[in-house]
Amino acid sequence: MVSRNIWNSSSPIPVTQGGVEQSTYINGQLLIGNSTGNTLTKSTLTDGTNCTIINGAGSSTINFSNPDKWVLIQTQSASSSSNISFTGLSSYGGCQAVVLSNIIPSTNGTVLRMYVSNNNGSTYFTTNYTACCLYSSYNSSTLNNINSTTYIPLSAYISSSYNYSGVVFIYNMNEGDYFVTNGYVNWYDTSLGTSTIGITQTTSKITGMTALKFQMSSGNIASGKISLYWIKRA
């Protein structure tokens, strides 16, 4: 309020006479032009897509967020484990990324397999997969193929003397559609006798996945880590 001005008035000075016609404000409030009556209207900035507004005393802070980001769901470490499983995935729709780090099997020449469940791990599907892993020696152009309809192969024959690592993406998880996977992996293959590069891919008629399981075709997972990420979208 103005106690005294050139108009000898205690009222706020009107916009038409060079004032703002306002007397009180809340934190973060701005005066914004309004074509109706050519006035100024008090207003605060509001949140938008990938944007959060924090209104403070004499300040407004705008925070932008990345619309797509990797959110870690869980990391599990193997120690002579029969399998590694991730449950409670019903709220993570869309796309996930499985990061496999330094996996070593306890049994030489075994295949790393993935299974999915739609009842939170009570049972896992052993049918309805159309899956393969195409692989080749690092110094060869010849492609080999291991395929299955009863599991998802993430490798061929891993040596127990070298580690296996890779990234596998899962699409359409919990979105009412058939899921697909693809990924790039690397291991030392006992059948080829060399470091091996693999491309794993899957299409499946299974919908509504809520759990994942990883295990070797024989024996345990001696060591290594598996991390599951949710690629969160805006």
C-alpha atoms as a PDB file:
ATOM      1  CA  MET A   1       0.000   0.000   0.000  1.00  0.00           C
ATOM      2  CA  VAL A   2       1.101   3.571  -0.636  1.00  0.00           C
ATOM      3  CA  SER A   3       0.369   5.844   2.334  1.00  0.00           C
ATOM      4  CA  ARG A   4       0.628   8.977   0.254  1.00  0.00           C
ATOM      5  CA  ASN A   5       1.324   9.623  -3.457  1.00  0.00           C
ATOM      6  CA  ILE A   6       0.994  12.435  -5.981  1.00  0.00           C
ATOM      7  CA  TRP A   7      -2.722  11.705  -6.246  1.00  0.00           C
ATOM      8  CA  ASN A   8      -2.953  12.105  -2.470  1.00  0.00           C
ATOM      9  CA  SER A   9      -4.393   8.576  -2.231  1.00  0.00           C
ATOM     10  CA  SER A  10      -3.600   5.581  -0.043  1.00  0.00           C
ATOM     11  CA  SER A  11      -4.659   3.170  -2.843  1.00  0.00           C
ATOM     12  CA  PRO A  12      -2.093   1.413  -5.103  1.00  0.00           C
ATOM     13  CA  ILE A  13      -1.164   3.443  -8.167  1.00  0.00           C
ATOM     14  CA  PRO A  14      -3.166   2.164 -11.184  1.00  0.00           C
ATOM     15  CA  VAL A  15      -1.477   0.718 -14.267  1.00  0.00           C
ATOM     16  CA  THR A  16      -2.887   3.482 -16.461  1.00  0.00           C
ATOM     17  CA  GLN A  17      -0.982   5.978 -14.377  1.00  0.00           C
ATOM     18  CA  GLY A  18       2.318   4.107 -14.331  1.00  0.00           C
ATOM     19  CA  GLY A  19       1.756   1.892 -11.298  1.00  0.00           C
ATOM     20  CA  VAL A  20       1.233  -1.828 -10.853  1.00  0.00           C
ATOM     21  CA  GLU A  21      -2.081  -1.631  -9.043  1.00  0.00           C
ATOM     22  CA  GLN A  22      -0.977  -4.350  -6.599  1.00  0.00           C
ATOM     23  CA  SER A  23      -0.110  -4.190  -2.937  1.00  0.00           C
ATOM     24  CA  THR A  24       0.482  -7.727  -1.626  1.00  0.00           C
ATOM     25  CA  TYR A  25       2.339 -10.735  -3.054  1.00  0.00           C
ATOM     26  CA  ILE A  26       3.102 -14.382  -2.298  1.00  0.00           C
ATOM     27  CA  ASN A  27       6.466 -16.103  -2.779  1.00  0.00           C
ATOM     28  CA  GLY A  28       7.511 -16.371  -6.424  1.00  0.00           C
ATOM     29  CA  GLN A  29       4.641 -14.289  -7.728  1.00  0.00           C
ATOM     30  CA  LEU A  30       5.243 -12.247 -10.871  1.00  0.00           C
ATOM     31  CA  LEU A  31       3.348  -9.462 -12.614  1.00  0.00           C
ATOM     32  CA  ILE A  32       2.346 -10.587 -16.092  1.00  0.00           C
ATOM     33  CA  GLY A  33       0.748  -8.457 -18.778  1.00  0.00           C
ATOM     34  CA  ASN A  34      -2.946  -9.042 -19.366  1.00  0.00           C
ATOM     35  CA  SER A  35      -4.542  -7.715 -22.567  1.00  0.00           C
ATOM     36  CA  THR A  36      -7.918  -7.602 -20.860  1.00  0.00           C
ATOM     37  CA  GLY A  37      -8.013  -4.038 -19.637  1.00  0.00           C
ATOM     38  CA  ASN A  38      -4.271  -3.688 -20.371  1.00  0.00           C
ATOM     39  CA  THR A  39      -3.494  -4.567 -16.767  1.00  0.00           C
ATOM     40  CA  LEU A  40      -0.926  -6.556 -14.846  1.00  0.00           C
ATOM     41  CA  THR A  41      -1.973  -9.864 -13.276  1.00  0.00           C
ATOM     42  CA  LYS A  42      -0.256 -11.567 -10.350  1.00  0.00           C
ATOM     43  CA  SER A  43       0.722 -15.142 -11.185  1.00  0.00           C
ATOM     44  CA  THR A  44       3.304 -17.787 -10.281  1.00  0.00           C
ATOM     45  CA  LEU A  45       5.090 -20.076 -12.719  1.00  0.00           C
ATOM     46  CA  THR A  46       3.784 -23.648 -12.733  1.00  0.00           C
ATOM     47  CA  ASP A  47       5.350 -27.051 -13.389  1.00  0.00           C
ATOM     48  CA  GLY A  48       5.512 -28.305 -16.964  1.00  0.00           C
ATOM     49  CA  THR A  49       6.743 -31.363 -18.833  1.00  0.00           C
ATOM     50  CA  ASN A  50      10.163 -32.330 -17.421  1.00  0.00           C
ATOM     51  CA  CYS A  51      10.170 -29.012 -15.543  1.00  0.00           C
ATOM     52  CA  THR A  52       9.645 -28.293 -11.843  1.00  0.00           C
ATOM     53  CA  ILE A  53       9.148 -24.798 -10.399  1.00  0.00           C
ATOM     54  CA  ILE A  54      10.198 -23.922  -6.841  1.00  0.00           C
ATOM     55  CA  ASN A  55       8.778 -20.564  -5.715  1.00  0.00           C
ATOM     56  CA  GLY A  56      10.710 -18.885  -2.920  1.00  0.00           C
ATOM     57  CA  ALA A  57      10.825 -15.536  -1.191  1.00  0.00           C
ATOM     58  CA  GLY A  58      11.957 -13.216  -3.969  1.00  0.00           C
ATOM     59  CA  SER A  59      12.946 -16.080  -6.245  1.00  0.00           C
ATOM     60  CA  SER A  60      11.689 -18.709  -8.700  1.00  0.00           C
ATOM     61  CA  THR A  61      13.874 -21.743  -9.439  1.00  0.00           C
ATOM     62  CA  ILE A  62      13.327 -23.777 -12.608  1.00  0.00           C
ATOM     63  CA  ASN A  63      14.585 -27.384 -12.517  1.00  0.00           C
ATOM     64  CA  PHE A  64      14.704 -29.387 -15.738  1.00  0.00           C
ATOM     65  CA  SER A  65      14.790 -33.192 -15.716  1.00  0.00           C
ATOM     66  CA  ASN A  66      15.967 -35.679 -18.306  1.00  0.00           C
ATOM     67  CA  PRO A  67      12.834 -37.211 -19.872  1.00  0.00           C
ATOM     68  CA  ASP A  68      14.561 -40.567 -20.384  1.00  0.00           C
ATOM     69  CA  LYS A  69      16.887 -41.842 -17.683  1.00  0.00           C
ATOM     70  CA  TRP A  70      18.135 -45.124 -16.311  1.00  0.00           C
ATOM     71  CA  VAL A  71      16.730 -45.865 -12.866  1.00  0.00           C
ATOM     72  CA  LEU A  72      18.450 -48.694 -11.001  1.00  0.00           C
ATOM     73  CA  ILE A  73      15.899 -51.242  -9.818  1.00  0.00           C
ATOM     74  CA  GLN A  74      18.348 -53.641  -8.183  1.00  0.00           C
ATOM     75  CA  THR A  75      21.856 -55.112  -8.391  1.00  0.00           C
ATOM     76  CA  GLN A  76      22.515 -58.689  -7.317  1.00  0.00           C
ATOM     77  CA  SER A  77      25.831 -60.455  -6.882  1.00  0.00           C
ATOM     78  CA  ALA A  78      26.303 -64.161  -7.542  1.00  0.00           C
ATOM     79  CA  SER A  79      28.214 -66.416  -5.167  1.00  0.00           C
ATOM     80  CA  SER A  80      27.805 -70.022  -6.303  1.00  0.00           C
ATOM     81  CA  SER A  81      24.162 -69.113  -6.956  1.00  0.00           C
ATOM     82  CA  SER A  82      21.761 -71.534  -8.616  1.00  0.00           C
ATOM     83  CA  ASN A  83      20.076 -68.511 -10.205  1.00  0.00           C
ATOM     84  CA  ILE A  84      19.553 -64.766  -9.885  1.00  0.00           C
ATOM     85  CA  SER A  85      15.979 -63.522 -10.046  1.00  0.00           C
ATOM     86  CA  PHE A  86      14.259 -60.137 -10.015  1.00  0.00           C
ATOM     87  CA  THR A  87      10.641 -59.973  -8.850  1.00  0.00           C
ATOM     88  CA  GLY A  88       8.067 -57.245  -8.213  1.00  0.00           C
ATOM     89  CA  LEU A  89       8.445 -55.684 -11.681  1.00  0.00           C
ATOM     90  CA  SER A  90       4.778 -54.956 -12.387  1.00  0.00           C
ATOM     91  CA  SER A  91       5.208 -51.178 -12.022  1.00  0.00           C
ATOM     92  CA  TYR A  92       8.191 -50.918 -14.392  1.00  0.00           C
ATOM     93  CA  GLY A  93       6.507 -50.726 -17.783  1.00  0.00           C
ATOM     94  CA  GLY A  94       8.173 -50.005 -21.084  1.00  0.00           C
ATOM     95  CA  CYS A  95      11.876 -50.718 -21.417  1.00  0.00           C
ATOM     96  CA  GLN A  96      14.418 -52.287 -19.074  1.00  0.00           C
ATOM     97  CA  ALA A  97      18.148 -52.808 -19.398  1.00  0.00           C
ATOM     98  CA  VAL A  98      19.958 -55.813 -17.930  1.00  0.00           C
ATOM     99  CA  VAL A  99      23.653 -55.183 -17.308  1.00  0.00           C
ATOM    100  CA  LEU A 100      25.641 -58.391 -16.811  1.00  0.00           C
ATOM    101  CA  SER A 101      29.115 -57.893 -15.367  1.00  0.00           C
ATOM    102  CA  ASN A 102      31.937 -60.422 -15.032  1.00  0.00           C
ATOM    103  CA  ILE A 103      29.706 -63.513 -14.931  1.00  0.00           C
ATOM    104  CA  ILE A 104      31.672 -66.741 -14.410  1.00  0.00           C
ATOM    105  CA  PRO A 105      29.947 -70.158 -14.456  1.00  0.00           C
ATOM    106  CA  SER A 106      30.959 -72.893 -12.046  1.00  0.00           C
ATOM    107  CA  THR A 107      30.695 -75.458 -14.852  1.00  0.00           C
ATOM    108  CA  ASN A 108      32.815 -75.053 -17.972  1.00  0.00           C
ATOM    109  CA  GLY A 109      31.069 -74.666 -21.334  1.00  0.00           C
ATOM    110  CA  THR A 110      27.586 -73.769 -20.121  1.00  0.00           C
ATOM    111  CA  VAL A 111      24.969 -71.397 -21.547  1.00  0.00           C
ATOM    112  CA  LEU A 112      23.569 -68.399 -19.673  1.00  0.00           C
ATOM    113  CA  ARG A 113      19.767 -68.478 -19.896  1.00  0.00           C
ATOM    114  CA  MET A 114      16.995 -66.014 -19.076  1.00  0.00           C
ATOM    115  CA  TYR A 115      13.392 -66.881 -18.199  1.00  0.00           C
ATOM    116  CA  VAL A 116      10.371 -64.637 -17.583  1.00  0.00           C
ATOM    117  CA  SER A 117       7.336 -64.921 -15.318  1.00  0.00           C
ATOM    118  CA  ASN A 118       3.937 -63.254 -15.243  1.00  0.00           C
ATOM    119  CA  ASN A 119       3.082 -64.377 -11.681  1.00  0.00           C
ATOM    120  CA  ASN A 120       5.955 -62.678  -9.848  1.00  0.00           C
ATOM    121  CA  GLY A 121       8.263 -65.685 -10.005  1.00  0.00           C
ATOM    122  CA  SER A 122       5.945 -68.425  -8.731  1.00  0.00           C
ATOM    123  CA  THR A 123       6.616 -70.149 -12.064  1.00  0.00           C
ATOM    124  CA  TYR A 124       8.692 -69.232 -15.115  1.00  0.00           C
ATOM    125  CA  PHE A 125       7.785 -69.853 -18.741  1.00  0.00           C
ATOM    126  CA  THR A 126       9.555 -72.724 -20.509  1.00  0.00           C
ATOM    127  CA  THR A 127       7.584 -72.263 -23.753  1.00  0.00           C
ATOM    128  CA  ASN A 128       6.555 -69.496 -26.157  1.00  0.00           C
ATOM    129  CA  TYR A 129      10.024 -68.044 -26.701  1.00  0.00           C
ATOM    130  CA  THR A 130      11.452 -67.461 -30.168  1.00  0.00           C
ATOM    131  CA  ALA A 131      14.989 -66.681 -29.141  1.00  0.00           C
ATOM    132  CA  CYS A 132      18.531 -66.987 -30.402  1.00  0.00           C
ATOM    133  CA  CYS A 133      22.073 -65.841 -29.831  1.00  0.00           C
ATOM    134  CA  LEU A 134      24.161 -65.229 -32.950  1.00  0.00           C
ATOM    135  CA  TYR A 135      27.858 -65.342 -32.126  1.00  0.00           C
ATOM    136  CA  SER A 136      31.243 -65.226 -33.760  1.00  0.00           C
ATOM    137  CA  SER A 137      34.917 -65.298 -32.863  1.00  0.00           C
ATOM    138  CA  TYR A 138      36.417 -61.830 -32.539  1.00  0.00           C
ATOM    139  CA  ASN A 139      38.559 -62.492 -35.628  1.00  0.00           C
ATOM    140  CA  SER A 140      36.009 -64.343 -37.783  1.00  0.00           C
ATOM    141  CA  SER A 141      33.110 -63.382 -40.040  1.00  0.00           C
ATOM    142  CA  THR A 142      31.386 -66.748 -39.568  1.00  0.00           C
ATOM    143  CA  LEU A 143      28.160 -66.576 -37.552  1.00  0.00           C
ATOM    144  CA  ASN A 144      27.077 -69.400 -35.284  1.00  0.00           C
ATOM    145  CA  ASN A 145      23.609 -69.751 -33.803  1.00  0.00           C
ATOM    146  CA  ILE A 146      22.211 -71.163 -30.603  1.00  0.00           C
ATOM    147  CA  ASN A 147      18.415 -70.946 -30.452  1.00  0.00           C
ATOM    148  CA  SER A 148      15.562 -72.076 -28.272  1.00  0.00           C
ATOM    149  CA  THR A 149      11.796 -71.873 -27.714  1.00  0.00           C
ATOM    150  CA  THR A 150      12.060 -72.992 -24.071  1.00  0.00           C
ATOM    151  CA  TYR A 151      14.406 -70.283 -22.753  1.00  0.00           C
ATOM    152  CA  ILE A 152      16.222 -67.126 -23.877  1.00  0.00           C
ATOM    153  CA  PRO A 153      19.910 -67.857 -24.643  1.00  0.00           C
ATOM    154  CA  LEU A 154      22.203 -65.008 -23.649  1.00  0.00           C
ATOM    155  CA  SER A 155      25.382 -66.820 -24.700  1.00  0.00           C
ATOM    156  CA  ALA A 156      26.750 -69.991 -26.190  1.00  0.00           C
ATOM    157  CA  TYR A 157      29.352 -72.034 -24.290  1.00  0.00           C
ATOM    158  CA  ILE A 158      31.008 -69.864 -21.640  1.00  0.00           C
ATOM    159  CA  SER A 159      34.394 -70.837 -20.293  1.00  0.00           C
ATOM    160  CA  SER A 160      34.659 -71.017 -16.506  1.00  0.00           C
ATOM    161  CA  SER A 161      38.106 -69.440 -16.747  1.00  0.00           C
ATOM    162  CA  TYR A 162      36.975 -66.123 -18.263  1.00  0.00           C
ATOM    163  CA  ASN A 163      34.187 -63.704 -17.456  1.00  0.00           C
ATOM    164  CA  TYR A 164      31.074 -62.902 -19.462  1.00  0.00           C
ATOM    165  CA  SER A 165      29.653 -59.359 -19.749  1.00  0.00           C
ATOM    166  CA  GLY A 166      26.990 -57.592 -21.773  1.00  0.00           C
ATOM    167  CA  VAL A 167      23.824 -55.503 -21.932  1.00  0.00           C
ATOM    168  CA  VAL A 168      20.381 -56.829 -22.870  1.00  0.00           C
ATOM    169  CA  PHE A 169      17.361 -54.576 -23.452  1.00  0.00           C
ATOM    170  CA  ILE A 170      13.777 -55.704 -22.806  1.00  0.00           C
ATOM    171  CA  TYR A 171      10.941 -53.883 -24.584  1.00  0.00           C
ATOM    172  CA  ASN A 172       7.139 -53.771 -24.076  1.00  0.00           C
ATOM    173  CA  MET A 173       7.360 -55.071 -20.537  1.00  0.00           C
ATOM    174  CA  ASN A 174       3.983 -54.806 -18.762  1.00  0.00           C
ATOM    175  CA  GLU A 175       2.422 -52.914 -21.666  1.00  0.00           C
ATOM    176  CA  GLY A 176      -0.101 -55.522 -22.763  1.00  0.00           C
ATOM    177  CA  ASP A 177       1.952 -56.446 -25.827  1.00  0.00           C
ATOM    178  CA  TYR A 178       4.351 -59.257 -26.709  1.00  0.00           C
ATOM    179  CA  PHE A 179       7.831 -58.516 -25.406  1.00  0.00           C
ATOM    180  CA  VAL A 180      11.073 -58.486 -27.365  1.00  0.00           C
ATOM    181  CA  THR A 181      14.711 -58.375 -26.322  1.00  0.00           C
ATOM    182  CA  ASN A 182      18.032 -57.629 -27.949  1.00  0.00           C
ATOM    183  CA  GLY A 183      21.527 -57.120 -26.659  1.00  0.00           C
ATOM    184  CA  TYR A 184      25.269 -57.361 -27.168  1.00  0.00           C
ATOM    185  CA  VAL A 185      27.401 -59.713 -25.105  1.00  0.00           C
ATOM    186  CA  ASN A 186      30.975 -61.017 -24.936  1.00  0.00           C
ATOM    187  CA  TRP A 187      32.576 -64.171 -23.519  1.00  0.00           C
ATOM    188  CA  TYR A 188      35.310 -66.736 -24.133  1.00  0.00           C
ATOM    189  CA  ASP A 189      33.683 -69.637 -25.939  1.00  0.00           C
ATOM    190  CA  THR A 190      34.859 -73.195 -25.257  1.00  0.00           C
ATOM    191  CA  SER A 191      33.589 -74.527 -28.605  1.00  0.00           C
ATOM    192  CA  LEU A 192      35.381 -71.839 -30.619  1.00  0.00           C
ATOM    193  CA  GLY A 193      38.361 -71.446 -28.330  1.00  0.00           C
ATOM    194  CA  THR A 194      38.375 -67.667 -28.683  1.00  0.00           C
ATOM    195  CA  SER A 195      36.932 -64.470 -27.320  1.00  0.00           C
ATOM    196  CA  THR A 196      33.434 -64.300 -28.743  1.00  0.00           C
ATOM    197  CA  ILE A 197      30.965 -61.553 -29.588  1.00  0.00           C
ATOM    198  CA  GLY A 198      27.257 -62.342 -29.456  1.00  0.00           C
ATOM    199  CA  ILE A 199      23.972 -60.712 -30.416  1.00  0.00           C
ATOM    200  CA  THR A 200      20.994 -62.046 -28.496  1.00  0.00           C
ATOM    201  CA  GLN A 201      17.417 -61.443 -29.605  1.00  0.00           C
ATOM    202  CA  THR A 202      13.936 -62.621 -28.660  1.00  0.00           C
ATOM    203  CA  THR A 203      10.303 -62.225 -29.626  1.00  0.00           C
ATOM    204  CA  SER A 204       7.664 -63.820 -27.447  1.00  0.00           C
ATOM    205  CA  LYS A 205       3.909 -64.160 -27.129  1.00  0.00           C
ATOM    206  CA  ILE A 206       4.211 -63.746 -23.359  1.00  0.00           C
ATOM    207  CA  THR A 207       2.660 -60.576 -21.883  1.00  0.00           C
ATOM    208  CA  GLY A 208       2.554 -58.999 -18.421  1.00  0.00           C
ATOM    209  CA  MET A 209       6.028 -59.923 -17.196  1.00  0.00           C
ATOM    210  CA  THR A 210       6.591 -59.401 -13.474  1.00  0.00           C
ATOM    211  CA  ALA A 211       9.809 -61.337 -12.841  1.00  0.00           C
ATOM    212  CA  LEU A 212      13.067 -62.369 -14.531  1.00  0.00           C
ATOM    213  CA  LYS A 213      15.410 -65.268 -13.779  1.00  0.00           C
ATOM    214  CA  PHE A 214      18.976 -65.924 -14.923  1.00  0.00           C
ATOM    215  CA  GLN A 215      20.726 -69.271 -14.606  1.00  0.00           C
ATOM    216  CA  MET A 216      23.315 -71.455 -16.288  1.00  0.00           C
ATOM    217  CA  SER A 217      22.299 -74.482 -18.355  1.00  0.00           C
ATOM    218  CA  SER A 218      24.255 -76.591 -15.862  1.00  0.00           C
ATOM    219  CA  GLY A 219      25.731 -75.793 -12.474  1.00  0.00           C
ATOM    220  CA  ASN A 220      25.752 -72.495 -10.623  1.00  0.00           C
ATOM    221  CA  ILE A 221      26.712 -68.914 -11.348  1.00  0.00           C
ATOM    222  CA  ALA A 222      30.029 -68.833  -9.520  1.00  0.00           C
ATOM    223  CA  SER A 223      30.442 -65.052  -9.421  1.00  0.00           C
ATOM    224  CA  GLY A 224      29.540 -61.779 -11.113  1.00  0.00           C
ATOM    225  CA  LYS A 225      26.850 -59.121 -10.908  1.00  0.00           C
ATOM    226  CA  ILE A 226      23.541 -58.514 -12.657  1.00  0.00           C
ATOM    227  CA  SER A 227      21.918 -55.078 -12.515  1.00  0.00           C
ATOM    228  CA  LEU A 228      18.395 -54.323 -13.708  1.00  0.00           C
ATOM    229  CA  TYR A 229      17.559 -50.777 -14.811  1.00  0.00           C
ATOM    230  CA  TRP A 230      14.269 -49.175 -15.751  1.00  0.00           C
ATOM    231  CA  ILE A 231      14.607 -46.738 -18.646  1.00  0.00           C
ATOM    232  CA  LYS A 232      12.101 -44.211 -17.360  1.00  0.00           C
ATOM    233  CA  ARG A 233      10.254 -42.140 -19.909  1.00  0.00           C
ATOM    234  CA  ALA A 234       8.678 -38.729 -19.479  1.00  0.00           C
END
